N, C-alpha and C. Protein backbone atom coordinates (compact mmCIF):
# COMPACT_ATOMS: atom_id res chain seq x y z
N UNK A 1 -5.64 21.35 -28.53
CA UNK A 1 -4.71 21.48 -27.40
C UNK A 1 -3.76 22.57 -28.01
N UNK A 2 -3.10 23.81 -27.62
CA UNK A 2 -2.39 24.54 -28.15
C UNK A 2 -1.01 24.45 -27.33
N UNK A 3 0.20 24.89 -27.85
CA UNK A 3 1.42 24.52 -27.43
C UNK A 3 1.75 25.04 -25.78
N UNK A 4 1.12 26.37 -25.85
CA UNK A 4 0.99 26.79 -24.30
C UNK A 4 0.53 25.85 -23.55
N UNK A 5 -1.03 25.26 -23.89
CA UNK A 5 -1.61 24.15 -22.74
C UNK A 5 -0.76 23.01 -22.48
N UNK A 6 -0.21 22.66 -23.83
CA UNK A 6 0.63 20.99 -23.34
C UNK A 6 1.91 21.66 -22.64
N UNK A 7 2.60 22.97 -22.68
CA UNK A 7 3.62 23.24 -21.91
C UNK A 7 3.19 23.10 -20.49
N UNK A 8 1.73 23.71 -20.02
CA UNK A 8 1.14 24.02 -18.74
C UNK A 8 1.14 22.42 -18.11
N UNK A 9 0.41 21.66 -18.96
CA UNK A 9 0.29 20.40 -18.52
C UNK A 9 1.53 19.72 -18.45
N UNK A 10 2.50 19.62 -19.19
CA UNK A 10 3.72 19.18 -18.94
C UNK A 10 4.55 19.46 -17.46
N UNK A 11 4.07 21.01 -17.13
CA UNK A 11 4.85 21.43 -16.07
C UNK A 11 3.95 21.46 -14.89
N UNK A 12 2.72 21.32 -14.94
CA UNK A 12 2.13 20.95 -13.77
C UNK A 12 1.73 19.41 -13.66
N UNK A 13 2.69 18.47 -13.16
CA UNK A 13 2.38 17.28 -12.88
C UNK A 13 1.71 16.82 -12.07
N UNK A 14 0.86 17.66 -11.33
CA UNK A 14 0.50 17.23 -10.06
C UNK A 14 0.87 17.74 -8.85
N UNK A 15 0.64 16.87 -7.80
CA UNK A 15 0.93 17.62 -6.31
C UNK A 15 2.21 17.26 -6.05
N UNK A 16 2.96 16.15 -6.53
CA UNK A 16 4.16 15.66 -6.59
C UNK A 16 5.36 16.35 -7.21
N UNK A 17 4.94 17.13 -8.40
CA UNK A 17 5.69 17.95 -9.13
C UNK A 17 5.36 19.42 -9.21
N UNK A 18 5.54 20.01 -8.53
CA UNK A 18 5.11 21.51 -8.50
C UNK A 18 5.93 22.11 -9.69
N UNK A 19 4.97 22.81 -10.39
CA UNK A 19 5.96 23.72 -11.87
C UNK A 19 7.08 24.76 -11.24
N UNK A 20 8.19 24.42 -11.96
CA UNK A 20 9.32 25.36 -11.89
C UNK A 20 10.36 25.13 -11.04
N UNK A 21 9.96 23.95 -10.28
CA UNK A 21 10.75 23.14 -9.18
C UNK A 21 11.95 22.30 -10.17
N UNK A 22 13.29 22.83 -9.53
CA UNK A 22 14.39 21.81 -10.15
C UNK A 22 15.06 20.90 -8.60
N UNK A 23 14.65 19.69 -8.63
CA UNK A 23 15.04 18.73 -7.54
C UNK A 23 16.39 18.38 -7.53
N UNK A 24 17.01 18.29 -6.52
CA UNK A 24 18.35 17.63 -6.17
C UNK A 24 17.94 16.25 -5.50
N UNK A 25 18.82 15.29 -6.39
CA UNK A 25 18.74 14.08 -5.90
C UNK A 25 19.99 13.67 -4.97
N UNK A 26 19.81 12.44 -4.41
CA UNK A 26 20.75 11.90 -3.60
C UNK A 26 21.89 11.03 -4.02
N UNK A 27 22.75 10.72 -3.49
CA UNK A 27 24.14 9.88 -3.88
C UNK A 27 23.40 8.67 -4.16
N UNK A 28 24.16 8.19 -5.29
CA UNK A 28 23.68 6.92 -5.82
C UNK A 28 24.23 5.75 -5.04
N UNK A 29 25.01 6.23 -4.13
CA UNK A 29 25.68 5.36 -3.08
C UNK A 29 24.73 5.07 -2.07
N UNK A 30 23.85 5.39 -1.81
CA UNK A 30 22.63 5.14 -1.21
C UNK A 30 21.89 3.70 -1.29
N UNK A 31 21.71 3.26 -2.69
CA UNK A 31 21.33 2.16 -3.19
C UNK A 31 22.45 1.11 -2.60
N UNK A 32 23.59 1.32 -2.76
CA UNK A 32 24.72 0.36 -1.89
C UNK A 32 24.45 0.13 -0.29
N UNK A 33 24.11 1.18 -0.11
CA UNK A 33 23.92 1.20 1.64
C UNK A 33 22.75 0.35 2.03
N UNK A 34 21.56 0.50 1.18
CA UNK A 34 20.16 0.09 1.24
C UNK A 34 20.39 -1.55 1.15
N UNK A 35 21.31 -1.82 -0.38
CA UNK A 35 21.42 -3.25 -0.60
C UNK A 35 22.18 -3.82 0.52
N UNK A 36 23.02 -3.22 1.01
CA UNK A 36 24.05 -3.90 1.83
C UNK A 36 23.41 -4.62 3.32
N UNK A 37 22.24 -3.43 3.50
CA UNK A 37 21.57 -3.40 5.07
C UNK A 37 20.59 -4.85 4.42
N UNK A 38 20.17 -4.68 3.82
CA UNK A 38 19.23 -6.07 3.67
C UNK A 38 19.68 -7.34 3.25
N UNK A 39 20.88 -7.23 2.57
CA UNK A 39 21.87 -8.37 2.50
C UNK A 39 22.13 -8.95 4.01
N UNK A 40 22.36 -8.21 4.66
CA UNK A 40 22.67 -8.48 6.14
C UNK A 40 21.67 -8.96 6.92
N UNK A 41 20.49 -8.15 6.73
CA UNK A 41 19.34 -8.90 7.34
C UNK A 41 18.85 -10.20 7.00
N UNK A 42 18.88 -10.29 5.75
CA UNK A 42 18.66 -11.70 4.90
C UNK A 42 19.69 -12.82 5.13
N UNK A 43 20.91 -12.29 5.33
CA UNK A 43 21.56 -13.43 5.81
C UNK A 43 21.59 -13.74 7.30
N UNK A 44 21.33 -13.02 8.11
CA UNK A 44 21.13 -13.26 9.24
C UNK A 44 19.76 -14.21 9.67
N UNK A 45 18.94 -14.05 9.01
CA UNK A 45 17.64 -14.91 8.55
C UNK A 45 17.88 -16.20 8.06
N UNK A 46 18.91 -16.29 7.12
CA UNK A 46 19.06 -17.46 6.28
C UNK A 46 20.16 -18.28 6.94
N UNK A 47 20.82 -17.95 7.75
CA UNK A 47 21.90 -18.73 8.33
C UNK A 47 21.19 -19.69 9.12
N UNK A 48 20.50 -19.58 10.20
CA UNK A 48 19.71 -20.35 11.05
C UNK A 48 18.82 -21.51 10.07
N UNK A 49 18.46 -21.03 9.08
CA UNK A 49 17.82 -22.06 8.58
C UNK A 49 18.65 -23.07 7.67
N UNK A 50 19.78 -22.70 6.81
CA UNK A 50 20.73 -23.60 6.39
C UNK A 50 21.16 -24.29 7.47
N UNK A 51 21.45 -24.06 8.79
CA UNK A 51 22.00 -24.87 9.59
C UNK A 51 20.85 -25.96 9.93
N UNK A 52 19.70 -25.25 10.18
CA UNK A 52 18.61 -26.37 10.18
C UNK A 52 18.73 -27.27 9.10
N UNK A 53 18.60 -26.79 8.01
CA UNK A 53 18.61 -27.79 6.68
C UNK A 53 19.68 -28.92 6.61
N UNK A 54 20.98 -28.43 7.07
CA UNK A 54 22.19 -29.53 7.05
C UNK A 54 21.55 -30.53 8.27
N UNK A 55 21.43 -29.99 9.46
CA UNK A 55 21.38 -30.85 10.70
C UNK A 55 20.07 -31.76 10.55
N UNK A 56 18.96 -31.14 10.06
CA UNK A 56 17.48 -31.75 10.10
C UNK A 56 16.87 -31.51 8.90
N UNK A 57 17.29 -32.10 7.59
CA UNK A 57 16.33 -31.55 6.66
C UNK A 57 15.12 -31.84 6.41
N UNK A 58 14.50 -30.73 5.89
CA UNK A 58 12.89 -30.89 5.57
C UNK A 58 12.54 -30.01 4.48
N UNK A 59 11.50 -30.19 3.92
CA UNK A 59 11.28 -29.33 2.82
C UNK A 59 10.75 -28.05 2.88
N UNK A 60 10.48 -27.40 4.14
CA UNK A 60 10.01 -26.43 4.38
C UNK A 60 11.03 -25.31 4.39
N UNK A 61 12.27 -25.80 4.60
CA UNK A 61 13.62 -24.99 5.01
C UNK A 61 13.78 -24.37 3.45
N UNK A 62 13.72 -25.19 2.30
CA UNK A 62 14.01 -24.83 1.11
C UNK A 62 12.89 -23.75 0.70
N UNK A 63 11.63 -23.82 1.29
CA UNK A 63 10.87 -23.01 0.83
C UNK A 63 11.13 -21.63 1.48
N UNK A 64 11.67 -21.39 2.60
CA UNK A 64 11.88 -20.42 3.44
C UNK A 64 13.01 -19.70 2.57
N UNK A 65 14.23 -20.37 2.47
CA UNK A 65 15.32 -20.14 1.79
C UNK A 65 14.74 -19.26 0.54
N UNK A 66 13.71 -20.01 -0.46
CA UNK A 66 13.20 -19.46 -1.68
C UNK A 66 12.58 -17.94 -1.31
N UNK A 67 11.92 -18.12 -0.22
CA UNK A 67 11.30 -16.77 0.37
C UNK A 67 12.33 -15.59 0.44
N UNK A 68 13.31 -15.89 0.86
CA UNK A 68 14.24 -14.82 1.25
C UNK A 68 15.20 -14.65 -0.06
N UNK A 69 15.22 -15.55 -0.95
CA UNK A 69 15.91 -15.15 -2.15
C UNK A 69 15.02 -14.41 -3.21
N UNK A 70 13.69 -14.74 -2.78
CA UNK A 70 12.68 -13.67 -3.77
C UNK A 70 12.92 -12.14 -2.97
N UNK A 71 12.79 -12.12 -1.82
CA UNK A 71 12.89 -10.87 -1.26
C UNK A 71 14.31 -10.21 -1.63
N UNK A 72 15.22 -10.80 -1.67
CA UNK A 72 16.54 -10.37 -2.07
C UNK A 72 16.54 -9.78 -3.43
N UNK A 73 15.91 -10.47 -4.63
CA UNK A 73 15.95 -9.99 -5.70
C UNK A 73 14.64 -9.12 -5.96
N UNK A 74 13.63 -8.93 -5.21
CA UNK A 74 12.59 -7.93 -5.09
C UNK A 74 13.38 -6.59 -4.77
N UNK A 75 14.25 -6.79 -3.59
CA UNK A 75 15.07 -5.24 -3.10
C UNK A 75 15.86 -5.00 -4.13
N UNK A 76 16.64 -5.80 -4.78
CA UNK A 76 17.80 -5.64 -5.83
C UNK A 76 16.98 -4.87 -6.88
N UNK A 77 15.70 -5.33 -7.57
CA UNK A 77 15.32 -4.45 -8.51
C UNK A 77 14.57 -2.96 -7.82
N UNK A 78 13.88 -2.95 -6.82
CA UNK A 78 13.20 -1.95 -6.44
C UNK A 78 14.19 -0.89 -5.92
N UNK A 79 14.97 -1.15 -5.17
CA UNK A 79 15.88 -0.15 -4.30
C UNK A 79 16.48 0.79 -5.51
N UNK A 80 17.23 0.96 -6.32
CA UNK A 80 17.63 1.54 -7.21
C UNK A 80 16.27 2.43 -7.57
N UNK A 81 15.36 2.18 -8.19
CA UNK A 81 14.31 2.98 -8.59
C UNK A 81 13.67 4.16 -7.26
N UNK A 82 13.76 3.34 -5.91
CA UNK A 82 13.22 4.20 -4.89
C UNK A 82 14.38 5.20 -4.76
N UNK A 83 15.65 5.09 -4.43
CA UNK A 83 16.58 6.08 -4.59
C UNK A 83 16.87 7.10 -5.66
N UNK A 84 16.29 6.65 -6.63
CA UNK A 84 16.24 7.58 -7.75
C UNK A 84 14.86 8.46 -7.55
N UNK A 85 14.09 7.94 -6.91
CA UNK A 85 12.76 8.66 -6.65
C UNK A 85 12.97 9.96 -5.60
N UNK A 86 14.03 10.03 -4.75
CA UNK A 86 13.96 10.82 -3.44
C UNK A 86 14.74 12.07 -4.07
N UNK A 87 14.29 13.13 -3.98
CA UNK A 87 14.56 14.50 -4.29
C UNK A 87 14.16 15.85 -3.30
N UNK A 88 14.97 16.84 -3.25
CA UNK A 88 14.92 17.83 -2.33
C UNK A 88 14.87 19.21 -3.01
N UNK A 89 14.15 20.24 -2.84
CA UNK A 89 14.41 21.47 -3.47
C UNK A 89 14.17 22.66 -2.12
N UNK A 90 15.05 23.67 -2.45
CA UNK A 90 15.31 24.55 -1.68
C UNK A 90 14.22 25.76 -2.43
N UNK A 91 13.27 26.52 -1.53
CA UNK A 91 12.58 27.30 -2.08
C UNK A 91 13.08 28.87 -1.26
N UNK A 92 12.15 29.55 -1.60
CA UNK A 92 12.43 31.11 -0.86
C UNK A 92 11.92 30.75 0.63
N UNK A 93 10.57 30.10 1.02
CA UNK A 93 10.16 30.14 1.86
C UNK A 93 9.97 28.81 2.63
N UNK A 94 10.41 27.67 2.23
CA UNK A 94 10.15 26.41 2.52
C UNK A 94 11.32 25.26 1.78
N UNK A 95 11.40 23.96 2.37
CA UNK A 95 12.25 23.06 1.61
C UNK A 95 11.22 21.68 1.19
N UNK A 96 11.53 21.32 0.05
CA UNK A 96 10.36 20.18 -0.21
C UNK A 96 11.12 19.05 -0.51
N UNK A 97 10.70 17.82 -0.17
CA UNK A 97 11.21 16.62 0.22
C UNK A 97 10.40 15.79 -0.52
N UNK A 98 10.60 14.93 -1.69
CA UNK A 98 9.92 14.01 -2.36
C UNK A 98 10.22 12.71 -2.31
N UNK A 99 9.41 11.70 -2.21
CA UNK A 99 9.87 10.17 -1.95
C UNK A 99 8.93 9.08 -2.66
N UNK A 100 9.31 8.10 -3.00
CA UNK A 100 8.34 6.83 -3.36
C UNK A 100 8.13 6.76 -4.72
N UNK A 101 7.70 5.59 -4.93
CA UNK A 101 7.49 5.10 -6.43
C UNK A 101 5.86 5.14 -6.76
N UNK A 102 5.61 4.02 -5.97
CA UNK A 102 3.85 3.70 -5.90
C UNK A 102 3.30 4.53 -5.11
N UNK A 103 3.61 4.50 -3.81
CA UNK A 103 3.35 5.37 -2.70
C UNK A 103 4.15 6.69 -2.40
N UNK A 104 3.92 7.45 -3.30
CA UNK A 104 4.41 9.06 -3.14
C UNK A 104 4.06 10.06 -1.98
N UNK A 105 5.12 10.67 -1.51
CA UNK A 105 5.06 11.76 -0.88
C UNK A 105 5.68 12.97 -1.20
N UNK A 106 5.25 13.91 -0.54
CA UNK A 106 5.82 15.30 -0.96
C UNK A 106 5.60 15.89 0.48
N UNK A 107 6.81 16.14 1.26
CA UNK A 107 6.71 17.04 2.25
C UNK A 107 7.25 18.51 2.07
N UNK A 108 6.54 19.36 2.59
CA UNK A 108 6.87 20.57 2.62
C UNK A 108 7.35 21.21 4.06
N UNK A 109 8.50 21.66 4.33
CA UNK A 109 9.01 21.91 5.52
C UNK A 109 9.09 23.63 5.34
N UNK A 110 8.40 24.57 6.17
CA UNK A 110 8.67 25.85 6.18
C UNK A 110 9.80 26.07 7.05
N UNK A 111 10.51 26.90 6.39
CA UNK A 111 11.75 27.43 7.27
C UNK A 111 11.46 28.07 8.64
N UNK A 112 10.70 28.66 8.76
CA UNK A 112 10.10 29.25 10.07
C UNK A 112 9.56 28.22 11.17
N UNK A 113 9.21 26.99 10.62
CA UNK A 113 8.86 25.84 11.58
C UNK A 113 9.96 25.20 12.37
N UNK A 114 11.25 25.26 11.34
CA UNK A 114 11.97 24.32 11.97
C UNK A 114 12.76 24.77 13.05
N UNK A 115 13.20 23.76 14.05
CA UNK A 115 13.69 24.27 15.41
C UNK A 115 15.19 23.73 15.51
N UNK A 116 15.39 22.30 14.77
CA UNK A 116 16.67 22.21 14.59
C UNK A 116 16.88 21.16 13.59
N UNK A 117 18.42 21.09 13.14
CA UNK A 117 18.72 20.43 12.00
C UNK A 117 19.81 19.28 12.49
N UNK A 118 19.55 18.02 12.40
CA UNK A 118 20.33 16.98 12.70
C UNK A 118 21.07 16.36 11.66
N UNK A 119 22.56 16.16 11.43
CA UNK A 119 23.14 15.28 10.51
C UNK A 119 23.59 14.18 11.12
N UNK A 120 23.55 12.91 10.46
CA UNK A 120 23.97 11.71 11.19
C UNK A 120 24.40 10.79 10.41
N UNK A 121 25.39 10.09 10.66
CA UNK A 121 25.88 9.01 9.48
C UNK A 121 26.37 7.69 10.41
N UNK A 122 25.73 6.79 10.29
CA UNK A 122 26.03 5.24 10.85
C UNK A 122 27.78 4.65 10.21
N UNK A 123 27.97 3.80 10.95
CA UNK A 123 29.13 3.21 10.34
C UNK A 123 29.33 2.72 8.84
N UNK A 124 28.21 2.20 8.23
CA UNK A 124 27.99 2.05 7.05
C UNK A 124 27.95 3.11 6.27
N UNK A 125 27.06 4.27 6.58
CA UNK A 125 27.09 5.61 5.79
C UNK A 125 28.33 6.20 5.69
N UNK A 126 29.14 6.35 6.81
CA UNK A 126 30.52 6.81 6.86
C UNK A 126 31.56 6.31 5.97
N UNK A 127 31.34 4.69 6.08
CA UNK A 127 32.35 3.80 4.97
C UNK A 127 32.08 4.56 3.36
N UNK A 128 30.60 4.73 3.36
CA UNK A 128 30.00 4.67 1.82
C UNK A 128 30.21 6.33 1.47
N UNK A 129 30.67 7.32 2.59
CA UNK A 129 30.50 8.53 2.46
C UNK A 129 29.20 8.95 2.02
N UNK A 130 28.01 9.04 2.76
CA UNK A 130 26.81 9.50 2.67
C UNK A 130 26.61 9.86 4.02
N UNK A 131 25.67 10.95 4.22
CA UNK A 131 25.11 11.23 5.39
C UNK A 131 23.40 11.22 5.36
N UNK A 132 22.77 11.81 6.44
CA UNK A 132 21.38 12.05 6.69
C UNK A 132 21.07 13.37 7.30
N UNK A 133 20.10 13.96 6.74
CA UNK A 133 19.86 15.23 7.42
C UNK A 133 18.46 15.03 7.84
N UNK A 134 17.97 15.14 9.30
CA UNK A 134 16.82 15.15 9.78
C UNK A 134 16.46 16.52 10.41
N UNK A 135 15.02 16.99 9.85
CA UNK A 135 14.57 18.39 10.20
C UNK A 135 13.70 18.30 11.27
N UNK A 136 13.93 18.93 12.64
CA UNK A 136 13.11 18.71 13.52
C UNK A 136 12.35 19.96 13.44
N UNK A 137 10.87 20.07 13.42
CA UNK A 137 9.88 21.14 13.55
C UNK A 137 9.21 21.03 14.75
N UNK A 138 8.21 22.28 14.81
CA UNK A 138 7.75 22.32 16.15
C UNK A 138 6.64 21.23 16.31
N UNK A 139 6.30 20.26 15.23
CA UNK A 139 5.19 19.49 15.48
C UNK A 139 6.01 18.08 15.02
N UNK A 140 5.94 17.17 16.10
CA UNK A 140 6.75 15.96 15.96
C UNK A 140 6.39 15.18 14.65
N UNK A 141 5.17 15.15 14.50
CA UNK A 141 4.72 14.67 13.25
C UNK A 141 5.25 14.69 11.54
N UNK A 142 5.67 16.26 11.83
CA UNK A 142 6.04 16.66 10.43
C UNK A 142 7.51 16.66 10.27
N UNK A 143 8.24 16.18 11.08
CA UNK A 143 9.67 16.03 11.10
C UNK A 143 10.10 15.24 9.57
N UNK A 144 11.13 15.84 9.10
CA UNK A 144 11.23 15.43 7.57
C UNK A 144 12.86 14.80 7.78
N UNK A 145 13.06 14.08 6.59
CA UNK A 145 14.57 13.43 6.60
C UNK A 145 15.15 13.61 5.21
N UNK A 146 16.20 13.43 4.97
CA UNK A 146 16.66 13.27 3.61
C UNK A 146 18.20 12.40 3.87
N UNK A 147 18.18 11.19 3.20
CA UNK A 147 18.82 10.22 3.68
C UNK A 147 19.95 10.37 2.06
N UNK A 148 20.96 9.49 2.28
CA UNK A 148 22.07 9.73 1.29
C UNK A 148 22.80 10.82 0.42
N UNK A 149 22.91 11.70 1.55
CA UNK A 149 23.46 12.83 0.86
C UNK A 149 24.96 12.90 1.02
N UNK A 150 25.72 13.34 0.17
CA UNK A 150 27.18 13.64 0.29
C UNK A 150 27.48 14.29 1.53
N UNK A 151 28.57 14.00 2.33
CA UNK A 151 28.75 14.93 3.62
C UNK A 151 28.81 16.31 3.17
N UNK A 152 29.68 16.70 2.23
CA UNK A 152 30.08 18.17 1.96
C UNK A 152 28.55 18.81 1.78
N UNK A 153 27.47 17.96 1.25
CA UNK A 153 26.30 18.70 0.68
C UNK A 153 25.40 18.96 2.05
N UNK A 154 25.17 17.65 2.84
CA UNK A 154 24.76 17.52 3.93
C UNK A 154 25.25 18.72 5.19
N UNK A 155 26.53 19.43 4.98
CA UNK A 155 26.99 20.29 5.55
C UNK A 155 26.45 21.42 5.12
N UNK A 156 26.42 21.74 3.92
CA UNK A 156 25.83 22.87 3.17
C UNK A 156 24.84 22.80 3.47
N UNK A 157 23.90 21.89 3.47
CA UNK A 157 22.41 22.11 3.77
C UNK A 157 21.81 22.38 5.03
N UNK A 158 22.86 21.61 5.97
CA UNK A 158 22.21 21.89 7.20
C UNK A 158 22.63 23.28 7.59
N UNK A 159 23.81 24.00 7.34
CA UNK A 159 24.08 25.45 7.75
C UNK A 159 22.91 26.34 6.91
N UNK A 160 22.63 25.82 5.80
CA UNK A 160 21.51 26.83 4.82
C UNK A 160 20.38 26.91 5.62
N UNK A 161 20.19 25.55 5.85
CA UNK A 161 18.49 25.39 6.59
C UNK A 161 18.50 25.98 7.93
N UNK A 162 19.68 25.70 9.01
CA UNK A 162 19.68 26.69 10.05
C UNK A 162 19.59 28.13 9.96
N UNK A 163 20.38 28.39 9.11
CA UNK A 163 20.46 30.17 8.81
C UNK A 163 19.00 30.73 8.62
N UNK A 164 18.56 30.01 7.66
CA UNK A 164 17.21 30.25 6.91
C UNK A 164 16.26 30.13 8.28
N UNK A 165 16.07 29.11 8.74
CA UNK A 165 15.03 28.89 9.81
C UNK A 165 15.24 29.92 10.76
N UNK A 166 16.64 30.42 11.48
CA UNK A 166 16.82 31.40 12.46
C UNK A 166 16.08 32.56 11.68
N UNK A 167 16.35 32.97 10.51
CA UNK A 167 16.16 34.55 9.77
C UNK A 167 14.41 34.36 10.04
N UNK A 168 14.01 33.20 9.35
CA UNK A 168 12.37 33.15 9.47
C UNK A 168 11.88 33.27 10.76
N UNK A 169 12.29 32.50 11.85
CA UNK A 169 11.68 32.68 13.43
C UNK A 169 12.00 34.10 14.10
N UNK A 170 13.24 34.59 13.54
CA UNK A 170 13.41 36.02 14.24
C UNK A 170 12.56 37.09 13.33
N UNK A 171 11.69 36.62 12.49
CA UNK A 171 11.00 37.29 11.91
C UNK A 171 9.52 37.52 12.25
N UNK A 172 9.36 36.44 12.99
CA UNK A 172 8.00 36.09 13.57
C UNK A 172 7.40 37.16 14.69
């Protein structure tokens, strides 16, 4: 195998990493948001079990708490890797969004198919200074989302995608 063959193989890493694409990542604060959301959910589930364990002790309550603790540990290990796997790239005619570690996905959204772009941020996201962009296309099944963007980047991306979508739509 020659050096050019090795370079081609390294660049063409399959359908999830098109050659020549520079991926932009999301904010690492998304890790905190996801971990806090999971912790709140697990706490809501654990509190009644703890109350039952105090009032009516039984062995199965410890089993439930153990399972909740394992889910929490699994989340702490998995979420940082999931967030690092999220990326997006703007190309001339479309936007690429990739996600996933084990179950990977690559969404290609042509600018001409975009109808509108939403920027959203709930209370936790606002507190952590992150936002989410949702792209709505002509087909409801192809809507795409990028979670965990810096607010300034979300604004920039919203404006850029909206203007590119209008320009492509006007060209139809």
